[in-house]
N, C-alpha and C. Protein backbone atom coordinates (compact mmCIF):
# COMPACT_ATOMS: atom_id res chain seq x y z
N MET A 1 0.85 -1.20 0.00
CA MET A 1 0.00 0.00 0.00
C MET A 1 0.88 1.25 0.00
N ASN A 2 0.47 2.22 -0.83
CA ASN A 2 1.11 3.53 -0.81
C ASN A 2 0.45 4.35 0.30
N TRP A 3 1.19 4.60 1.38
CA TRP A 3 0.61 5.18 2.58
C TRP A 3 0.12 6.61 2.38
N THR A 4 0.62 7.30 1.35
CA THR A 4 0.24 8.70 1.16
C THR A 4 -0.56 8.94 -0.11
N ALA A 5 -0.87 7.88 -0.84
CA ALA A 5 -1.64 8.04 -2.08
C ALA A 5 -3.09 8.39 -1.77
N ALA A 6 -3.66 9.29 -2.55
CA ALA A 6 -5.06 9.68 -2.38
C ALA A 6 -5.97 8.51 -2.75
N MET A 7 -7.08 8.37 -2.02
CA MET A 7 -8.04 7.29 -2.24
C MET A 7 -9.42 7.88 -2.45
N ASP A 8 -10.14 7.34 -3.43
CA ASP A 8 -11.50 7.80 -3.72
C ASP A 8 -12.39 6.56 -3.79
N LEU A 9 -13.05 6.26 -2.67
CA LEU A 9 -13.80 5.00 -2.56
C LEU A 9 -15.30 5.20 -2.37
N TYR A 10 -15.74 6.43 -2.15
CA TYR A 10 -17.13 6.64 -1.77
C TYR A 10 -17.81 7.66 -2.66
N CYS A 11 -19.12 7.53 -2.75
CA CYS A 11 -19.90 8.37 -3.65
C CYS A 11 -19.72 9.85 -3.34
N GLU A 12 -19.69 10.20 -2.07
CA GLU A 12 -19.66 11.62 -1.70
C GLU A 12 -18.37 12.31 -2.12
N ARG A 13 -17.27 11.59 -2.19
CA ARG A 13 -15.99 12.21 -2.53
C ARG A 13 -15.92 12.52 -4.03
N THR A 14 -15.64 13.78 -4.34
CA THR A 14 -15.53 14.21 -5.74
C THR A 14 -14.16 14.78 -6.07
N ASP A 15 -13.32 15.00 -5.05
CA ASP A 15 -11.97 15.52 -5.26
C ASP A 15 -11.13 15.19 -4.03
N PRO A 16 -9.82 15.43 -4.06
CA PRO A 16 -8.96 15.04 -2.93
C PRO A 16 -8.98 16.00 -1.74
N SER A 17 -9.84 17.00 -1.77
CA SER A 17 -9.81 18.01 -0.72
C SER A 17 -10.26 17.45 0.63
N LEU A 18 -9.93 18.17 1.69
CA LEU A 18 -10.16 17.70 3.05
C LEU A 18 -11.63 17.47 3.35
N TRP A 19 -12.49 18.37 2.88
CA TRP A 19 -13.92 18.28 3.22
C TRP A 19 -14.75 17.85 2.01
N SER A 20 -14.19 16.96 1.22
CA SER A 20 -14.95 16.44 0.08
C SER A 20 -16.02 15.44 0.51
N GLU A 21 -15.91 14.93 1.76
CA GLU A 21 -16.91 13.99 2.28
C GLU A 21 -17.49 14.53 3.59
N PRO A 22 -18.22 15.63 3.54
CA PRO A 22 -18.69 16.23 4.80
C PRO A 22 -19.62 15.33 5.61
N LEU A 23 -20.57 14.67 4.96
CA LEU A 23 -21.48 13.80 5.69
C LEU A 23 -20.76 12.57 6.23
N ASN A 24 -19.91 11.99 5.40
CA ASN A 24 -19.16 10.81 5.86
C ASN A 24 -18.23 11.16 7.01
N ALA A 25 -17.67 12.36 6.98
CA ALA A 25 -16.75 12.77 8.05
C ALA A 25 -17.50 13.09 9.33
N LEU A 26 -18.50 13.95 9.25
CA LEU A 26 -19.18 14.42 10.45
C LEU A 26 -20.05 13.34 11.09
N SER A 27 -20.50 12.37 10.31
CA SER A 27 -21.33 11.30 10.88
C SER A 27 -20.54 10.42 11.85
N ASN A 28 -19.21 10.56 11.85
CA ASN A 28 -18.42 9.80 12.81
C ASN A 28 -18.62 10.29 14.24
N LEU A 29 -19.25 11.43 14.39
CA LEU A 29 -19.62 11.87 15.74
C LEU A 29 -20.52 10.84 16.41
N ALA A 30 -21.25 10.07 15.61
CA ALA A 30 -22.14 9.05 16.18
C ALA A 30 -21.35 8.03 17.00
N PHE A 31 -20.14 7.68 16.54
CA PHE A 31 -19.32 6.73 17.29
C PHE A 31 -18.89 7.33 18.63
N LEU A 32 -18.54 8.60 18.62
CA LEU A 32 -18.12 9.25 19.86
C LEU A 32 -19.28 9.38 20.85
N VAL A 33 -20.46 9.71 20.33
CA VAL A 33 -21.63 9.81 21.20
C VAL A 33 -21.98 8.43 21.78
N SER A 34 -21.96 7.41 20.93
CA SER A 34 -22.25 6.05 21.38
C SER A 34 -21.24 5.61 22.44
N ALA A 35 -19.96 5.90 22.21
CA ALA A 35 -18.93 5.53 23.17
C ALA A 35 -19.14 6.24 24.51
N LEU A 36 -19.49 7.53 24.46
CA LEU A 36 -19.70 8.29 25.69
C LEU A 36 -20.91 7.76 26.46
N VAL A 37 -21.99 7.50 25.74
CA VAL A 37 -23.20 6.98 26.39
C VAL A 37 -22.91 5.66 27.09
N MET A 38 -22.22 4.76 26.38
CA MET A 38 -21.95 3.45 26.96
C MET A 38 -20.91 3.52 28.07
N TRP A 39 -19.93 4.42 27.95
CA TRP A 39 -18.95 4.58 29.01
C TRP A 39 -19.64 5.01 30.31
N ARG A 40 -20.60 5.90 30.21
CA ARG A 40 -21.32 6.35 31.39
C ARG A 40 -22.16 5.22 31.99
N ARG A 41 -22.57 4.27 31.16
CA ARG A 41 -23.38 3.14 31.64
C ARG A 41 -22.52 2.06 32.29
N VAL A 42 -21.27 1.92 31.84
CA VAL A 42 -20.46 0.81 32.34
C VAL A 42 -19.44 1.24 33.41
N ARG A 43 -19.15 2.51 33.52
CA ARG A 43 -18.11 2.94 34.46
C ARG A 43 -18.55 2.62 35.90
N GLY A 44 -17.56 2.26 36.69
CA GLY A 44 -17.83 1.99 38.10
C GLY A 44 -18.54 0.68 38.36
N GLN A 45 -18.70 -0.17 37.34
CA GLN A 45 -19.40 -1.43 37.53
C GLN A 45 -18.45 -2.64 37.49
N GLY A 46 -17.16 -2.37 37.56
CA GLY A 46 -16.20 -3.47 37.57
C GLY A 46 -16.18 -4.26 36.28
N LEU A 47 -16.31 -3.56 35.17
CA LEU A 47 -16.33 -4.22 33.85
C LEU A 47 -15.22 -3.62 32.98
N PRO A 48 -13.97 -3.96 33.25
CA PRO A 48 -12.87 -3.34 32.50
C PRO A 48 -12.92 -3.63 31.00
N LEU A 49 -13.40 -4.80 30.63
CA LEU A 49 -13.48 -5.10 29.19
C LEU A 49 -14.51 -4.22 28.51
N ALA A 50 -15.61 -3.93 29.20
CA ALA A 50 -16.62 -3.03 28.64
C ALA A 50 -16.07 -1.63 28.49
N VAL A 51 -15.28 -1.18 29.47
CA VAL A 51 -14.65 0.14 29.36
C VAL A 51 -13.70 0.17 28.17
N ALA A 52 -12.94 -0.91 28.01
CA ALA A 52 -12.02 -0.99 26.87
C ALA A 52 -12.78 -0.94 25.55
N LEU A 53 -13.91 -1.62 25.48
CA LEU A 53 -14.72 -1.60 24.25
C LEU A 53 -15.22 -0.18 23.96
N CYS A 54 -15.59 0.55 25.00
CA CYS A 54 -16.02 1.94 24.81
C CYS A 54 -14.88 2.79 24.27
N ALA A 55 -13.68 2.58 24.79
CA ALA A 55 -12.52 3.33 24.32
C ALA A 55 -12.24 3.03 22.85
N VAL A 56 -12.31 1.75 22.49
CA VAL A 56 -12.06 1.38 21.09
C VAL A 56 -13.16 1.94 20.19
N LEU A 57 -14.39 1.97 20.68
CA LEU A 57 -15.49 2.54 19.90
C LEU A 57 -15.21 4.01 19.59
N ALA A 58 -14.70 4.74 20.55
CA ALA A 58 -14.35 6.14 20.29
C ALA A 58 -13.23 6.25 19.26
N VAL A 59 -12.23 5.37 19.36
CA VAL A 59 -11.12 5.39 18.41
C VAL A 59 -11.61 5.04 17.00
N ILE A 60 -12.62 4.17 16.89
CA ILE A 60 -13.20 3.87 15.58
C ILE A 60 -13.70 5.16 14.93
N GLY A 61 -14.39 5.99 15.71
CA GLY A 61 -14.89 7.25 15.17
C GLY A 61 -13.77 8.17 14.74
N LEU A 62 -12.71 8.25 15.54
CA LEU A 62 -11.59 9.13 15.20
C LEU A 62 -10.86 8.62 13.96
N GLY A 63 -10.64 7.30 13.88
CA GLY A 63 -9.95 6.73 12.72
C GLY A 63 -10.74 6.91 11.45
N SER A 64 -12.05 6.69 11.54
CA SER A 64 -12.90 6.87 10.36
C SER A 64 -12.94 8.33 9.93
N PHE A 65 -12.95 9.24 10.91
CA PHE A 65 -12.92 10.67 10.58
C PHE A 65 -11.65 11.02 9.81
N LEU A 66 -10.53 10.49 10.25
CA LEU A 66 -9.27 10.74 9.54
C LEU A 66 -9.36 10.26 8.09
N PHE A 67 -9.92 9.07 7.91
CA PHE A 67 -9.96 8.52 6.56
C PHE A 67 -10.88 9.31 5.66
N HIS A 68 -12.02 9.74 6.19
CA HIS A 68 -13.00 10.44 5.35
C HIS A 68 -12.69 11.92 5.17
N THR A 69 -11.60 12.38 5.78
CA THR A 69 -11.12 13.73 5.51
C THR A 69 -9.82 13.68 4.71
N LEU A 70 -8.84 12.94 5.21
CA LEU A 70 -7.54 12.88 4.53
C LEU A 70 -7.54 11.94 3.34
N ALA A 71 -8.26 10.82 3.45
CA ALA A 71 -8.43 9.87 2.35
C ALA A 71 -7.10 9.43 1.74
N VAL A 72 -6.19 8.98 2.59
CA VAL A 72 -4.90 8.44 2.13
C VAL A 72 -4.70 7.07 2.77
N GLY A 73 -3.67 6.37 2.32
CA GLY A 73 -3.46 4.99 2.72
C GLY A 73 -3.33 4.78 4.21
N TRP A 74 -2.50 5.59 4.89
CA TRP A 74 -2.31 5.37 6.32
C TRP A 74 -3.59 5.66 7.10
N ALA A 75 -4.39 6.60 6.60
CA ALA A 75 -5.66 6.89 7.27
C ALA A 75 -6.65 5.75 7.08
N ALA A 76 -6.55 5.03 5.95
CA ALA A 76 -7.39 3.86 5.76
C ALA A 76 -7.08 2.80 6.80
N THR A 77 -5.80 2.64 7.12
CA THR A 77 -5.41 1.71 8.18
C THR A 77 -5.94 2.17 9.52
N ALA A 78 -5.87 3.47 9.79
CA ALA A 78 -6.41 4.02 11.03
C ALA A 78 -7.92 3.81 11.11
N ASP A 79 -8.56 3.66 9.97
CA ASP A 79 -10.00 3.43 9.91
C ASP A 79 -10.34 1.98 10.25
N VAL A 80 -9.64 1.03 9.63
CA VAL A 80 -10.04 -0.37 9.76
C VAL A 80 -9.44 -1.08 10.97
N LEU A 81 -8.26 -0.65 11.42
CA LEU A 81 -7.60 -1.36 12.52
C LEU A 81 -8.41 -1.32 13.82
N PRO A 82 -8.96 -0.17 14.23
CA PRO A 82 -9.76 -0.18 15.46
C PRO A 82 -11.00 -1.07 15.35
N ILE A 83 -11.57 -1.18 14.15
CA ILE A 83 -12.72 -2.06 13.97
C ILE A 83 -12.32 -3.51 14.23
N LEU A 84 -11.15 -3.89 13.71
CA LEU A 84 -10.65 -5.24 13.95
C LEU A 84 -10.40 -5.47 15.43
N VAL A 85 -9.85 -4.48 16.11
CA VAL A 85 -9.60 -4.61 17.55
C VAL A 85 -10.90 -4.80 18.31
N PHE A 86 -11.94 -4.06 17.93
CA PHE A 86 -13.24 -4.20 18.59
C PHE A 86 -13.78 -5.61 18.38
N ILE A 87 -13.70 -6.10 17.14
CA ILE A 87 -14.18 -7.45 16.85
C ILE A 87 -13.46 -8.47 17.72
N MET A 88 -12.14 -8.36 17.80
CA MET A 88 -11.35 -9.33 18.56
C MET A 88 -11.67 -9.27 20.05
N LEU A 89 -11.81 -8.06 20.59
CA LEU A 89 -12.14 -7.92 22.00
C LEU A 89 -13.52 -8.50 22.30
N TYR A 90 -14.46 -8.24 21.39
CA TYR A 90 -15.82 -8.74 21.66
C TYR A 90 -15.87 -10.26 21.52
N LEU A 91 -15.12 -10.80 20.58
CA LEU A 91 -15.06 -12.26 20.48
C LEU A 91 -14.46 -12.87 21.74
N PHE A 92 -13.44 -12.22 22.28
CA PHE A 92 -12.88 -12.68 23.55
C PHE A 92 -13.94 -12.67 24.64
N ALA A 93 -14.73 -11.60 24.68
CA ALA A 93 -15.81 -11.51 25.68
C ALA A 93 -16.83 -12.62 25.48
N ILE A 94 -17.18 -12.91 24.23
CA ILE A 94 -18.14 -13.98 23.96
C ILE A 94 -17.62 -15.32 24.47
N TRP A 95 -16.39 -15.63 24.09
CA TRP A 95 -15.84 -16.94 24.47
C TRP A 95 -15.62 -17.03 25.98
N ARG A 96 -15.13 -15.97 26.61
CA ARG A 96 -14.84 -16.04 28.04
C ARG A 96 -16.08 -15.89 28.89
N ASP A 97 -16.87 -14.83 28.62
CA ASP A 97 -17.95 -14.46 29.53
C ASP A 97 -19.32 -14.99 29.12
N TYR A 98 -19.52 -15.28 27.83
CA TYR A 98 -20.79 -15.86 27.41
C TYR A 98 -20.70 -17.38 27.38
N ALA A 99 -19.63 -17.89 26.79
CA ALA A 99 -19.48 -19.34 26.64
C ALA A 99 -18.78 -19.99 27.83
N GLY A 100 -18.12 -19.20 28.67
CA GLY A 100 -17.51 -19.73 29.88
C GLY A 100 -16.16 -20.39 29.71
N LEU A 101 -15.44 -20.05 28.65
CA LEU A 101 -14.11 -20.63 28.46
C LEU A 101 -13.08 -19.92 29.34
N ARG A 102 -11.99 -20.62 29.63
CA ARG A 102 -10.89 -19.99 30.34
C ARG A 102 -10.27 -18.90 29.46
N PRO A 103 -9.64 -17.89 30.08
CA PRO A 103 -9.10 -16.77 29.30
C PRO A 103 -8.18 -17.18 28.16
N ALA A 104 -7.31 -18.18 28.39
CA ALA A 104 -6.38 -18.59 27.33
C ALA A 104 -7.13 -19.15 26.13
N TRP A 105 -8.14 -19.98 26.41
CA TRP A 105 -8.94 -20.53 25.32
C TRP A 105 -9.80 -19.46 24.66
N ALA A 106 -10.29 -18.53 25.45
CA ALA A 106 -11.07 -17.42 24.89
C ALA A 106 -10.21 -16.57 23.96
N ALA A 107 -8.96 -16.34 24.36
CA ALA A 107 -8.04 -15.58 23.51
C ALA A 107 -7.77 -16.33 22.21
N ALA A 108 -7.61 -17.65 22.32
CA ALA A 108 -7.40 -18.46 21.12
C ALA A 108 -8.62 -18.40 20.21
N GLY A 109 -9.81 -18.43 20.81
CA GLY A 109 -11.02 -18.32 20.02
C GLY A 109 -11.12 -16.99 19.30
N ALA A 110 -10.72 -15.92 19.99
CA ALA A 110 -10.74 -14.60 19.36
C ALA A 110 -9.73 -14.53 18.22
N LEU A 111 -8.53 -15.05 18.45
CA LEU A 111 -7.50 -15.03 17.41
C LEU A 111 -7.88 -15.88 16.20
N ALA A 112 -8.72 -16.88 16.42
CA ALA A 112 -9.15 -17.73 15.32
C ALA A 112 -9.95 -16.95 14.28
N TYR A 113 -10.42 -15.76 14.67
CA TYR A 113 -11.14 -14.93 13.69
C TYR A 113 -10.26 -14.59 12.50
N LEU A 114 -8.97 -14.40 12.74
CA LEU A 114 -8.07 -13.96 11.67
C LEU A 114 -7.99 -14.98 10.54
N PRO A 115 -7.69 -16.27 10.80
CA PRO A 115 -7.70 -17.23 9.70
C PRO A 115 -9.09 -17.46 9.14
N PHE A 116 -10.11 -17.38 10.01
CA PHE A 116 -11.49 -17.54 9.53
C PHE A 116 -11.83 -16.45 8.51
N ALA A 117 -11.47 -15.21 8.83
CA ALA A 117 -11.73 -14.11 7.90
C ALA A 117 -10.90 -14.25 6.64
N ALA A 118 -9.64 -14.68 6.80
CA ALA A 118 -8.77 -14.85 5.63
C ALA A 118 -9.33 -15.87 4.66
N LEU A 119 -10.02 -16.88 5.18
CA LEU A 119 -10.60 -17.92 4.32
C LEU A 119 -11.95 -17.51 3.74
N THR A 120 -12.75 -16.79 4.50
CA THR A 120 -14.13 -16.53 4.07
C THR A 120 -14.31 -15.23 3.30
N VAL A 121 -13.52 -14.20 3.60
CA VAL A 121 -13.68 -12.93 2.89
C VAL A 121 -13.52 -13.11 1.38
N PRO A 122 -12.51 -13.86 0.88
CA PRO A 122 -12.42 -14.08 -0.57
C PRO A 122 -13.66 -14.77 -1.14
N LEU A 123 -14.29 -15.62 -0.35
CA LEU A 123 -15.51 -16.29 -0.82
C LEU A 123 -16.65 -15.29 -0.98
N PHE A 124 -16.77 -14.37 -0.03
CA PHE A 124 -17.80 -13.33 -0.17
C PHE A 124 -17.54 -12.47 -1.40
N HIS A 125 -16.28 -12.13 -1.63
CA HIS A 125 -15.96 -11.32 -2.81
C HIS A 125 -16.24 -12.09 -4.10
N ARG A 126 -16.01 -13.38 -4.07
CA ARG A 126 -16.19 -14.18 -5.29
C ARG A 126 -17.66 -14.48 -5.58
N TYR A 127 -18.39 -14.89 -4.54
CA TYR A 127 -19.76 -15.36 -4.75
C TYR A 127 -20.83 -14.31 -4.46
N ALA A 128 -20.43 -13.19 -3.89
CA ALA A 128 -21.37 -12.09 -3.67
C ALA A 128 -20.70 -10.78 -4.07
N PRO A 129 -20.30 -10.66 -5.34
CA PRO A 129 -19.57 -9.46 -5.76
C PRO A 129 -20.38 -8.18 -5.62
N TRP A 130 -21.71 -8.32 -5.60
CA TRP A 130 -22.56 -7.14 -5.44
C TRP A 130 -22.38 -6.47 -4.07
N LEU A 131 -21.74 -7.17 -3.13
CA LEU A 131 -21.47 -6.56 -1.83
C LEU A 131 -20.37 -5.51 -1.90
N GLY A 132 -19.54 -5.57 -2.93
CA GLY A 132 -18.43 -4.64 -3.03
C GLY A 132 -17.48 -4.78 -1.86
N SER A 133 -17.00 -3.66 -1.34
CA SER A 133 -16.06 -3.72 -0.23
C SER A 133 -16.72 -4.16 1.07
N SER A 134 -18.05 -4.17 1.12
CA SER A 134 -18.73 -4.65 2.32
C SER A 134 -18.52 -6.14 2.52
N ALA A 135 -18.06 -6.83 1.47
CA ALA A 135 -17.75 -8.26 1.63
C ALA A 135 -16.69 -8.49 2.68
N ASP A 136 -15.86 -7.48 2.94
CA ASP A 136 -14.82 -7.62 3.97
C ASP A 136 -15.41 -7.86 5.35
N TYR A 137 -16.66 -7.43 5.54
CA TYR A 137 -17.32 -7.60 6.83
C TYR A 137 -18.19 -8.86 6.88
N GLY A 138 -18.25 -9.60 5.80
CA GLY A 138 -19.11 -10.77 5.72
C GLY A 138 -18.98 -11.77 6.85
N PRO A 139 -17.75 -12.07 7.30
CA PRO A 139 -17.62 -13.07 8.37
C PRO A 139 -18.29 -12.66 9.68
N VAL A 140 -18.45 -11.37 9.92
CA VAL A 140 -18.95 -10.93 11.22
C VAL A 140 -20.40 -11.34 11.46
N PRO A 141 -21.35 -11.03 10.56
CA PRO A 141 -22.71 -11.49 10.82
C PRO A 141 -22.84 -13.01 10.82
N VAL A 142 -21.99 -13.69 10.05
CA VAL A 142 -22.02 -15.15 10.08
C VAL A 142 -21.71 -15.65 11.49
N LEU A 143 -20.67 -15.10 12.09
CA LEU A 143 -20.31 -15.50 13.45
C LEU A 143 -21.38 -15.11 14.46
N LEU A 144 -21.93 -13.92 14.32
CA LEU A 144 -22.95 -13.48 15.26
C LEU A 144 -24.20 -14.36 15.19
N ILE A 145 -24.57 -14.76 14.00
CA ILE A 145 -25.71 -15.68 13.86
C ILE A 145 -25.40 -17.01 14.54
N ALA A 146 -24.18 -17.50 14.35
CA ALA A 146 -23.78 -18.76 14.98
C ALA A 146 -23.82 -18.64 16.51
N PHE A 147 -23.35 -17.51 17.05
CA PHE A 147 -23.38 -17.33 18.50
C PHE A 147 -24.81 -17.17 19.02
N THR A 148 -25.66 -16.52 18.23
CA THR A 148 -27.06 -16.39 18.63
C THR A 148 -27.69 -17.76 18.81
N ILE A 149 -27.43 -18.63 17.85
CA ILE A 149 -27.98 -19.99 17.92
C ILE A 149 -27.33 -20.78 19.05
N GLY A 150 -26.00 -20.68 19.14
CA GLY A 150 -25.27 -21.48 20.12
C GLY A 150 -25.56 -21.10 21.57
N LEU A 151 -25.90 -19.83 21.81
CA LEU A 151 -26.13 -19.38 23.18
C LEU A 151 -27.60 -19.36 23.56
N TRP A 152 -28.47 -19.78 22.65
CA TRP A 152 -29.91 -19.60 22.87
C TRP A 152 -30.40 -20.31 24.13
N ARG A 153 -29.92 -21.51 24.37
CA ARG A 153 -30.37 -22.25 25.55
C ARG A 153 -29.57 -21.87 26.80
N ARG A 154 -28.31 -21.57 26.64
CA ARG A 154 -27.45 -21.24 27.78
C ARG A 154 -27.76 -19.87 28.34
N ALA A 155 -27.95 -18.87 27.47
CA ALA A 155 -28.19 -17.49 27.89
C ALA A 155 -29.14 -16.84 26.89
N PRO A 156 -30.44 -17.15 26.99
CA PRO A 156 -31.40 -16.69 25.97
C PRO A 156 -31.49 -15.18 25.83
N ALA A 157 -31.42 -14.44 26.94
CA ALA A 157 -31.50 -12.98 26.84
C ALA A 157 -30.30 -12.42 26.10
N THR A 158 -29.13 -12.97 26.38
CA THR A 158 -27.93 -12.54 25.68
C THR A 158 -27.98 -12.92 24.21
N ALA A 159 -28.48 -14.11 23.93
CA ALA A 159 -28.61 -14.56 22.54
C ALA A 159 -29.55 -13.64 21.77
N ARG A 160 -30.66 -13.26 22.40
CA ARG A 160 -31.58 -12.33 21.73
C ARG A 160 -30.89 -11.00 21.46
N GLY A 161 -30.10 -10.54 22.43
CA GLY A 161 -29.37 -9.28 22.23
C GLY A 161 -28.41 -9.36 21.07
N ILE A 162 -27.68 -10.47 20.97
CA ILE A 162 -26.76 -10.64 19.85
C ILE A 162 -27.55 -10.70 18.54
N GLY A 163 -28.70 -11.37 18.56
CA GLY A 163 -29.52 -11.45 17.36
C GLY A 163 -29.99 -10.08 16.90
N ILE A 164 -30.40 -9.23 17.86
CA ILE A 164 -30.81 -7.86 17.52
C ILE A 164 -29.63 -7.10 16.94
N GLY A 165 -28.46 -7.27 17.55
CA GLY A 165 -27.26 -6.62 17.03
C GLY A 165 -26.94 -7.08 15.62
N THR A 166 -27.17 -8.35 15.34
CA THR A 166 -26.92 -8.88 13.99
C THR A 166 -27.82 -8.21 12.98
N LEU A 167 -29.10 -8.05 13.33
CA LEU A 167 -30.03 -7.37 12.42
C LEU A 167 -29.61 -5.92 12.19
N MET A 168 -29.16 -5.26 13.25
CA MET A 168 -28.66 -3.89 13.09
C MET A 168 -27.47 -3.85 12.14
N LEU A 169 -26.57 -4.80 12.30
CA LEU A 169 -25.38 -4.85 11.45
C LEU A 169 -25.76 -5.08 10.00
N LEU A 170 -26.67 -6.00 9.76
CA LEU A 170 -27.08 -6.28 8.38
C LEU A 170 -27.74 -5.06 7.75
N LEU A 171 -28.54 -4.33 8.53
CA LEU A 171 -29.15 -3.11 8.00
C LEU A 171 -28.09 -2.07 7.68
N SER A 172 -27.15 -1.88 8.59
CA SER A 172 -26.10 -0.88 8.35
C SER A 172 -25.23 -1.28 7.17
N LEU A 173 -24.94 -2.57 7.02
CA LEU A 173 -24.16 -3.03 5.87
C LEU A 173 -24.91 -2.81 4.56
N THR A 174 -26.25 -2.87 4.62
CA THR A 174 -27.05 -2.60 3.41
C THR A 174 -26.79 -1.19 2.92
N PHE A 175 -26.79 -0.23 3.82
CA PHE A 175 -26.54 1.16 3.42
C PHE A 175 -25.09 1.35 2.96
N ARG A 176 -24.18 0.64 3.59
CA ARG A 176 -22.78 0.73 3.15
C ARG A 176 -22.64 0.20 1.73
N THR A 177 -23.33 -0.89 1.43
CA THR A 177 -23.25 -1.52 0.11
C THR A 177 -23.90 -0.67 -0.97
N LEU A 178 -24.96 0.06 -0.60
CA LEU A 178 -25.71 0.83 -1.59
C LEU A 178 -25.07 2.17 -1.93
N ASP A 179 -23.98 2.52 -1.25
CA ASP A 179 -23.37 3.84 -1.43
C ASP A 179 -23.04 4.12 -2.89
N LEU A 180 -22.30 3.26 -3.54
CA LEU A 180 -21.91 3.50 -4.93
C LEU A 180 -23.03 3.18 -5.93
N PRO A 181 -23.78 2.06 -5.76
CA PRO A 181 -24.85 1.78 -6.73
C PRO A 181 -25.91 2.88 -6.82
N LEU A 182 -26.18 3.58 -5.72
CA LEU A 182 -27.19 4.63 -5.74
C LEU A 182 -26.62 6.03 -5.95
N CYS A 183 -25.33 6.09 -6.28
CA CYS A 183 -24.66 7.39 -6.36
C CYS A 183 -25.29 8.30 -7.42
N GLY A 184 -25.73 7.71 -8.52
CA GLY A 184 -26.33 8.52 -9.57
C GLY A 184 -27.66 9.13 -9.16
N LEU A 185 -28.35 8.48 -8.23
CA LEU A 185 -29.64 8.97 -7.76
C LEU A 185 -29.51 9.90 -6.57
N TRP A 186 -28.49 9.65 -5.74
CA TRP A 186 -28.29 10.42 -4.51
C TRP A 186 -26.81 10.72 -4.38
N PRO A 187 -26.37 11.88 -4.84
CA PRO A 187 -24.94 12.17 -4.94
C PRO A 187 -24.20 12.22 -3.60
N HIS A 188 -24.94 12.33 -2.50
CA HIS A 188 -24.27 12.32 -1.19
C HIS A 188 -23.92 10.91 -0.75
N GLY A 189 -24.49 9.91 -1.40
CA GLY A 189 -24.23 8.54 -1.01
C GLY A 189 -24.96 8.14 0.25
N THR A 190 -24.75 6.90 0.66
CA THR A 190 -25.41 6.38 1.86
C THR A 190 -24.41 5.90 2.91
N HIS A 191 -23.14 6.16 2.70
CA HIS A 191 -22.13 5.66 3.64
C HIS A 191 -22.29 6.27 5.03
N PHE A 192 -22.75 7.51 5.09
CA PHE A 192 -22.91 8.16 6.39
C PHE A 192 -23.99 7.46 7.23
N VAL A 193 -24.97 6.84 6.55
CA VAL A 193 -26.00 6.10 7.29
C VAL A 193 -25.38 4.86 7.95
N TRP A 194 -24.45 4.22 7.22
CA TRP A 194 -23.70 3.10 7.80
C TRP A 194 -23.01 3.52 9.09
N HIS A 195 -22.42 4.70 9.10
CA HIS A 195 -21.75 5.18 10.31
C HIS A 195 -22.73 5.28 11.47
N GLY A 196 -23.87 5.93 11.22
CA GLY A 196 -24.84 6.13 12.29
C GLY A 196 -25.38 4.82 12.83
N LEU A 197 -25.81 3.94 11.92
CA LEU A 197 -26.37 2.66 12.35
C LEU A 197 -25.33 1.77 13.00
N ASN A 198 -24.12 1.79 12.48
CA ASN A 198 -23.07 0.95 13.03
C ASN A 198 -22.66 1.44 14.42
N ALA A 199 -22.68 2.74 14.63
CA ALA A 199 -22.39 3.28 15.96
C ALA A 199 -23.42 2.80 16.97
N VAL A 200 -24.67 2.81 16.57
CA VAL A 200 -25.73 2.31 17.46
C VAL A 200 -25.55 0.82 17.71
N MET A 201 -25.23 0.07 16.66
CA MET A 201 -25.06 -1.37 16.79
C MET A 201 -23.92 -1.72 17.75
N LEU A 202 -22.78 -1.06 17.60
CA LEU A 202 -21.64 -1.35 18.46
C LEU A 202 -21.93 -0.97 19.91
N GLY A 203 -22.58 0.16 20.10
CA GLY A 203 -23.00 0.53 21.45
C GLY A 203 -23.95 -0.49 22.04
N TRP A 204 -24.87 -0.98 21.22
CA TRP A 204 -25.82 -2.00 21.68
C TRP A 204 -25.10 -3.27 22.10
N MET A 205 -24.08 -3.67 21.34
CA MET A 205 -23.35 -4.88 21.69
C MET A 205 -22.63 -4.74 23.03
N ILE A 206 -22.15 -3.53 23.32
CA ILE A 206 -21.56 -3.28 24.65
C ILE A 206 -22.65 -3.38 25.72
N GLU A 207 -23.82 -2.86 25.42
CA GLU A 207 -24.94 -2.95 26.36
C GLU A 207 -25.34 -4.40 26.61
N VAL A 208 -25.33 -5.23 25.57
CA VAL A 208 -25.63 -6.66 25.74
C VAL A 208 -24.62 -7.29 26.70
N TYR A 209 -23.36 -6.93 26.53
CA TYR A 209 -22.33 -7.45 27.42
C TYR A 209 -22.56 -6.97 28.86
N ARG A 210 -22.87 -5.70 29.02
CA ARG A 210 -23.11 -5.16 30.36
C ARG A 210 -24.25 -5.90 31.04
N ARG A 211 -25.35 -6.07 30.33
CA ARG A 211 -26.51 -6.74 30.91
C ARG A 211 -26.19 -8.19 31.27
N HIS A 212 -25.44 -8.86 30.40
CA HIS A 212 -25.08 -10.25 30.66
C HIS A 212 -24.25 -10.37 31.94
N MET A 213 -23.27 -9.49 32.09
CA MET A 213 -22.39 -9.57 33.24
C MET A 213 -23.13 -9.23 34.53
N LEU A 214 -23.98 -8.22 34.51
CA LEU A 214 -24.73 -7.86 35.71
C LEU A 214 -25.75 -8.93 36.07
N ALA A 215 -26.36 -9.53 35.06
CA ALA A 215 -27.31 -10.62 35.33
C ALA A 215 -26.59 -11.81 35.96
N GLY A 216 -25.38 -12.09 35.52
CA GLY A 216 -24.60 -13.17 36.11
C GLY A 216 -24.27 -12.90 37.57
N ARG A 217 -23.99 -11.65 37.89
CA ARG A 217 -23.70 -11.31 39.29
C ARG A 217 -24.93 -11.50 40.16
N ARG A 218 -26.09 -11.09 39.65
CA ARG A 218 -27.33 -11.25 40.43
C ARG A 218 -27.64 -12.72 40.63
N LEU A 219 -27.36 -13.51 39.60
CA LEU A 219 -27.65 -14.95 39.67
C LEU A 219 -26.77 -15.64 40.70
N HIS A 220 -25.50 -15.23 40.78
CA HIS A 220 -24.55 -15.90 41.66
C HIS A 220 -24.31 -15.13 42.97
N GLY A 221 -24.95 -13.97 43.09
CA GLY A 221 -24.69 -13.17 44.28
C GLY A 221 -25.84 -13.14 45.25
């Protein structure tokens, strides 16, 4: 990757200038608001992983803002890397705190996402080319659906929460996918809607974790 080369990937961008994507850039405030709301809900409750997820959620907004203003290679990395970190942390939470695995096994389960994505993302690109770059996120709803089913009997309320989050993710991915196909009809694109919905979805997933952990304390306390 050329770290300083200009990138034009979204409908709203029409030139390399800083504010060529105003809606895409400013909609990243949704991630910061979501992170702040959830931080206020989880602070002081002895949930360090939830606090970490809130911090990463805020960094997602900052990284995405950099990419949608500067639109260069290194900013693209700043955009996608925090998302990967959030996925890995949440998978660790699922394996450790939802499925009850020991931390070492939970970490291994989270790390297994990397080869899983490496194997499945090319399949999404090949067999669902209409997804465009959204195919890169294909493995995530697949895993969430699997966890919804797998946890249904063990933790039904948590499974329902993950299922709701999955539906939110699929809706937000729909708007992400439609950004370029609808560009001729709506020159602002729909990528900014992905930001808003995804911010709500990620905040909701933190809330699912918070509720699960507090419910476990009440059950055992």
